[in-house]
N, C-alpha and C. Protein backbone atom coordinates (compact mmCIF):
# COMPACT_ATOMS: atom_id res chain seq x y z
N UNK A 1 106.82 51.61 138.40
CA UNK A 1 106.11 51.51 137.13
C UNK A 1 107.22 51.27 135.90
N UNK A 2 108.31 51.90 136.04
CA UNK A 2 109.25 51.64 135.04
C UNK A 2 109.53 50.11 134.86
N UNK A 3 109.50 49.40 135.97
CA UNK A 3 109.59 48.03 135.90
C UNK A 3 108.90 47.42 134.86
N UNK A 4 107.52 47.69 134.84
CA UNK A 4 106.59 47.09 134.03
C UNK A 4 106.91 47.54 132.50
N UNK A 5 107.52 48.67 132.43
CA UNK A 5 107.88 49.04 130.91
C UNK A 5 108.99 48.34 130.63
N UNK A 6 109.92 48.12 131.23
CA UNK A 6 111.10 47.22 130.96
C UNK A 6 110.71 45.67 130.93
N UNK A 7 109.86 45.26 131.69
CA UNK A 7 109.30 43.88 131.64
C UNK A 7 108.77 43.64 130.23
N UNK A 8 107.73 44.58 129.93
CA UNK A 8 107.03 44.63 128.65
C UNK A 8 108.00 44.48 127.56
N UNK A 9 109.08 45.32 127.49
CA UNK A 9 109.81 45.47 126.36
C UNK A 9 110.75 44.09 126.16
N UNK A 10 111.04 43.56 127.43
CA UNK A 10 111.91 42.29 127.41
C UNK A 10 111.05 41.08 126.90
N UNK A 11 109.57 41.07 127.42
CA UNK A 11 108.77 39.99 126.97
C UNK A 11 108.44 40.21 125.44
N UNK A 12 108.26 41.40 124.83
CA UNK A 12 107.98 41.66 123.64
C UNK A 12 109.26 41.21 122.77
N UNK A 13 110.49 41.63 123.03
CA UNK A 13 111.70 41.08 122.35
C UNK A 13 111.82 39.58 122.38
N UNK A 14 111.60 38.89 123.55
CA UNK A 14 111.77 37.59 123.63
C UNK A 14 110.81 36.78 122.89
N UNK A 15 109.55 37.31 122.84
CA UNK A 15 108.35 36.71 122.08
C UNK A 15 108.82 36.80 120.54
N UNK A 16 109.22 37.95 120.07
CA UNK A 16 109.58 38.20 118.72
C UNK A 16 110.74 37.21 118.40
N UNK A 17 111.69 36.98 119.24
CA UNK A 17 112.91 36.17 119.27
C UNK A 17 112.54 34.60 119.06
N UNK A 18 111.34 34.22 119.85
CA UNK A 18 110.85 32.86 119.62
C UNK A 18 110.22 32.63 118.46
N UNK A 19 109.31 33.70 118.00
CA UNK A 19 108.59 33.56 116.82
C UNK A 19 109.50 33.63 115.43
N UNK A 20 110.17 34.77 115.57
CA UNK A 20 110.98 35.06 114.21
C UNK A 20 112.53 34.97 114.25
N UNK A 21 113.07 34.51 115.28
CA UNK A 21 114.56 34.58 115.30
C UNK A 21 115.12 33.29 115.84
N UNK A 22 114.23 32.22 115.55
CA UNK A 22 114.66 30.88 115.81
C UNK A 22 114.87 30.62 117.45
N UNK A 23 114.16 31.23 118.28
CA UNK A 23 114.02 31.17 119.63
C UNK A 23 115.11 32.11 120.39
N UNK A 24 115.61 33.15 119.65
CA UNK A 24 116.56 34.02 120.41
C UNK A 24 115.99 34.57 121.58
N UNK A 25 116.81 34.70 122.62
CA UNK A 25 116.15 35.19 124.12
C UNK A 25 117.16 36.19 124.72
N UNK A 26 118.45 36.33 124.17
CA UNK A 26 119.37 37.23 125.00
C UNK A 26 119.06 38.72 124.73
N UNK A 27 119.30 39.35 125.90
CA UNK A 27 119.00 40.81 125.78
C UNK A 27 120.47 41.56 126.15
N UNK A 28 121.07 42.21 125.35
CA UNK A 28 122.26 42.96 125.75
C UNK A 28 121.97 44.28 126.42
N UNK A 29 122.61 44.28 127.47
CA UNK A 29 122.63 45.69 128.41
C UNK A 29 124.02 45.99 128.69
N UNK A 30 124.01 46.89 129.67
CA UNK A 30 125.46 47.63 129.78
C UNK A 30 125.85 47.67 131.18
N UNK A 31 127.06 47.43 131.41
CA UNK A 31 127.75 47.68 132.97
C UNK A 31 127.17 49.02 133.39
N UNK A 32 127.01 49.15 134.58
CA UNK A 32 126.60 50.22 135.38
C UNK A 32 125.18 50.61 134.96
N UNK A 33 124.50 49.97 134.37
CA UNK A 33 122.98 50.27 134.11
C UNK A 33 122.16 50.11 135.33
N UNK A 34 121.04 50.44 135.19
CA UNK A 34 119.95 50.07 136.15
C UNK A 34 118.65 50.08 135.62
N UNK A 35 117.98 49.04 135.57
CA UNK A 35 116.56 48.70 134.96
C UNK A 35 115.46 48.46 135.85
N UNK A 36 115.72 48.35 137.04
CA UNK A 36 114.48 48.14 137.98
C UNK A 36 114.89 47.13 139.12
N UNK A 37 113.86 47.04 140.04
CA UNK A 37 114.04 46.20 141.23
C UNK A 37 113.57 44.81 141.21
N UNK A 38 112.77 44.46 140.06
CA UNK A 38 112.23 43.15 140.04
C UNK A 38 113.23 42.10 139.85
N UNK A 39 113.32 40.90 139.94
CA UNK A 39 114.15 39.96 139.79
C UNK A 39 114.67 39.94 138.40
N UNK A 40 113.83 40.11 137.46
CA UNK A 40 114.31 39.89 136.15
C UNK A 40 115.07 41.29 135.68
N UNK A 41 114.54 42.41 136.14
CA UNK A 41 115.37 43.59 135.92
C UNK A 41 116.65 43.66 136.73
N UNK A 42 116.62 43.06 137.80
CA UNK A 42 117.80 43.04 138.61
C UNK A 42 118.95 42.31 137.87
N UNK A 43 118.36 41.27 137.06
CA UNK A 43 119.35 40.47 136.36
C UNK A 43 119.71 41.17 135.04
N UNK A 44 119.02 42.09 134.46
CA UNK A 44 119.40 43.05 133.28
C UNK A 44 120.22 44.18 133.82
N UNK A 45 120.27 44.57 135.12
CA UNK A 45 120.86 45.66 135.60
C UNK A 45 122.30 45.22 135.58
N UNK A 46 123.31 46.11 135.14
CA UNK A 46 124.73 45.67 135.10
C UNK A 46 125.71 46.20 136.38
N UNK A 47 125.03 46.02 137.50
CA UNK A 47 125.60 46.36 138.60
C UNK A 47 125.65 45.17 139.70
N UNK A 48 126.90 44.68 139.80
CA UNK A 48 126.97 43.47 140.76
C UNK A 48 126.53 43.67 142.22
N UNK A 49 126.44 44.82 142.72
CA UNK A 49 125.99 45.26 144.07
C UNK A 49 124.59 44.84 144.14
N UNK A 50 123.79 45.08 143.07
CA UNK A 50 122.48 45.04 143.19
C UNK A 50 121.95 43.42 142.96
N UNK A 51 122.91 42.78 142.15
CA UNK A 51 122.66 41.28 141.81
C UNK A 51 122.94 40.42 142.76
N UNK A 52 124.10 40.53 143.60
CA UNK A 52 124.59 39.62 144.62
C UNK A 52 123.76 39.00 145.50
N UNK A 53 122.80 39.84 146.11
CA UNK A 53 121.93 39.40 147.07
C UNK A 53 120.72 38.36 146.57
N UNK A 54 120.69 38.46 145.30
CA UNK A 54 119.46 37.62 144.65
C UNK A 54 119.85 36.48 143.72
N UNK A 55 121.33 36.21 143.74
CA UNK A 55 121.78 34.80 143.06
C UNK A 55 121.16 33.71 143.48
N UNK A 56 120.64 32.88 142.62
CA UNK A 56 120.72 32.86 141.15
C UNK A 56 119.72 33.77 140.49
N UNK A 57 120.06 34.40 139.48
CA UNK A 57 119.07 35.38 138.70
C UNK A 57 118.82 34.57 137.37
N UNK A 58 117.63 35.21 136.86
CA UNK A 58 117.24 34.82 135.57
C UNK A 58 118.41 35.08 134.55
N UNK A 59 118.56 34.17 133.63
CA UNK A 59 119.58 34.22 132.58
C UNK A 59 119.13 34.92 131.34
N UNK A 60 119.99 35.09 130.48
CA UNK A 60 119.74 35.70 129.14
C UNK A 60 120.06 37.27 128.96
N UNK A 61 120.70 37.69 130.11
CA UNK A 61 121.13 39.23 129.89
C UNK A 61 122.70 39.25 129.79
N UNK A 62 123.14 39.85 128.89
CA UNK A 62 124.59 40.10 128.64
C UNK A 62 124.90 41.46 128.92
N UNK A 63 125.88 41.72 129.81
CA UNK A 63 126.43 43.02 130.00
C UNK A 63 127.71 43.46 129.18
N UNK A 64 127.55 44.52 128.59
CA UNK A 64 128.83 45.10 127.89
C UNK A 64 129.19 46.48 128.34
N UNK A 65 130.32 46.95 127.91
CA UNK A 65 130.70 48.39 128.36
C UNK A 65 129.71 49.37 127.83
N UNK A 66 129.32 50.23 128.58
CA UNK A 66 128.55 51.46 128.01
C UNK A 66 129.30 52.25 127.22
N UNK A 67 128.70 52.79 126.09
CA UNK A 67 129.33 53.67 125.10
C UNK A 67 130.36 53.05 124.14
N UNK A 68 130.18 51.78 124.07
CA UNK A 68 131.12 50.91 123.10
C UNK A 68 130.21 50.10 122.05
N UNK A 69 129.94 50.64 121.00
CA UNK A 69 129.20 49.96 119.98
C UNK A 69 129.93 48.65 119.51
N UNK A 70 131.11 48.78 119.34
CA UNK A 70 131.93 47.50 119.12
C UNK A 70 131.60 46.26 120.05
N UNK A 71 131.58 46.61 121.35
CA UNK A 71 131.30 45.58 122.27
C UNK A 71 129.91 45.09 122.10
N UNK A 72 128.94 45.91 121.65
CA UNK A 72 127.58 45.41 121.53
C UNK A 72 127.58 44.58 120.22
N UNK A 73 128.32 44.97 119.22
CA UNK A 73 128.39 44.16 117.96
C UNK A 73 129.10 42.69 118.41
N UNK A 74 130.17 42.86 119.13
CA UNK A 74 130.76 41.66 119.63
C UNK A 74 129.90 40.62 120.23
N UNK A 75 129.10 41.25 121.17
CA UNK A 75 128.21 40.40 121.98
C UNK A 75 126.83 39.90 121.44
N UNK A 76 126.55 40.51 120.14
CA UNK A 76 125.56 40.06 119.32
C UNK A 76 125.66 38.70 118.69
N UNK A 77 124.87 37.69 118.95
CA UNK A 77 124.85 36.41 118.29
C UNK A 77 123.54 36.10 117.70
N UNK A 78 123.27 34.88 117.27
CA UNK A 78 122.03 34.33 116.91
C UNK A 78 121.09 34.16 117.99
N UNK A 79 121.55 34.20 119.20
CA UNK A 79 120.50 34.17 120.42
C UNK A 79 120.24 35.65 120.97
N UNK A 80 120.59 36.58 120.09
CA UNK A 80 120.18 37.94 120.62
C UNK A 80 119.04 38.41 119.98
N UNK A 81 118.06 38.81 120.85
CA UNK A 81 116.82 39.50 120.48
C UNK A 81 116.50 40.83 120.79
N UNK A 82 117.60 41.42 121.61
CA UNK A 82 117.22 42.85 121.82
C UNK A 82 118.42 43.43 122.53
N UNK A 83 118.50 44.87 122.51
CA UNK A 83 119.51 45.49 123.19
C UNK A 83 118.82 46.66 124.05
N UNK A 84 119.19 46.79 125.23
CA UNK A 84 118.40 47.70 126.17
C UNK A 84 119.52 48.60 126.67
N UNK A 85 119.14 49.88 126.23
CA UNK A 85 120.24 50.97 126.47
C UNK A 85 119.76 52.09 127.31
N UNK A 86 120.46 52.85 128.08
CA UNK A 86 120.14 54.13 128.60
C UNK A 86 120.68 55.27 127.94
N UNK A 87 119.87 56.17 127.48
CA UNK A 87 120.63 57.35 126.72
C UNK A 87 121.63 58.00 127.49
N UNK A 88 121.29 58.24 128.79
CA UNK A 88 122.22 58.72 129.76
C UNK A 88 122.08 57.82 131.05
N UNK A 89 123.23 57.35 131.48
CA UNK A 89 123.33 56.50 132.78
C UNK A 89 123.28 57.46 133.95
N UNK A 90 122.41 57.18 134.91
CA UNK A 90 122.28 57.99 136.09
C UNK A 90 122.57 57.25 137.21
N UNK A 91 122.24 55.94 137.35
CA UNK A 91 122.44 55.24 138.54
C UNK A 91 123.99 54.81 138.76
N UNK A 92 124.64 54.72 137.60
CA UNK A 92 125.90 54.25 137.70
C UNK A 92 127.02 55.34 137.41
N UNK A 93 126.54 56.53 137.78
CA UNK A 93 127.28 57.78 137.50
C UNK A 93 126.66 58.57 136.46
N UNK A 94 126.70 59.85 136.25
CA UNK A 94 126.14 60.52 134.99
C UNK A 94 126.96 60.22 133.88
N UNK A 95 126.68 59.28 133.08
CA UNK A 95 127.56 58.84 131.92
C UNK A 95 126.72 59.32 130.59
N UNK A 96 127.33 60.23 129.94
CA UNK A 96 126.74 60.61 128.59
C UNK A 96 127.52 60.02 127.52
N UNK A 97 126.92 59.41 126.64
CA UNK A 97 127.63 58.65 125.55
C UNK A 97 127.98 59.69 124.37
N UNK A 98 128.86 59.06 123.56
CA UNK A 98 129.14 59.87 122.27
C UNK A 98 127.87 59.89 121.52
N UNK A 99 127.90 60.90 120.57
CA UNK A 99 126.86 61.11 119.68
C UNK A 99 126.60 59.89 118.83
N UNK A 100 127.54 59.30 118.40
CA UNK A 100 127.39 58.12 117.50
C UNK A 100 127.01 56.80 118.29
N UNK A 101 126.81 56.87 119.52
CA UNK A 101 126.45 55.63 120.21
C UNK A 101 124.96 55.26 120.02
N UNK A 102 124.13 56.19 120.17
CA UNK A 102 122.63 55.70 119.93
C UNK A 102 122.25 56.02 118.47
């Protein structure tokens, strides 16, 4: 079920990017993240072990270090239409960010 939620969020962000941000389509996610098991959400997931069996994957997902706002800022370009973050990472270990992260 969460796959549908994440798919919907990505579709909404990309539609907005197409209509309002000159065709922007990149979604920033983080290393060690997990967003689902569909092909698109596997591409968004920041774990190589889940991605390798399904390469080539859909493009447009940029992985940066978790809990690093500067890496998110550095990865943000004119092609960025969204950022997908987990408040607490569970699949990649129990990673709790600094208060300033979210």
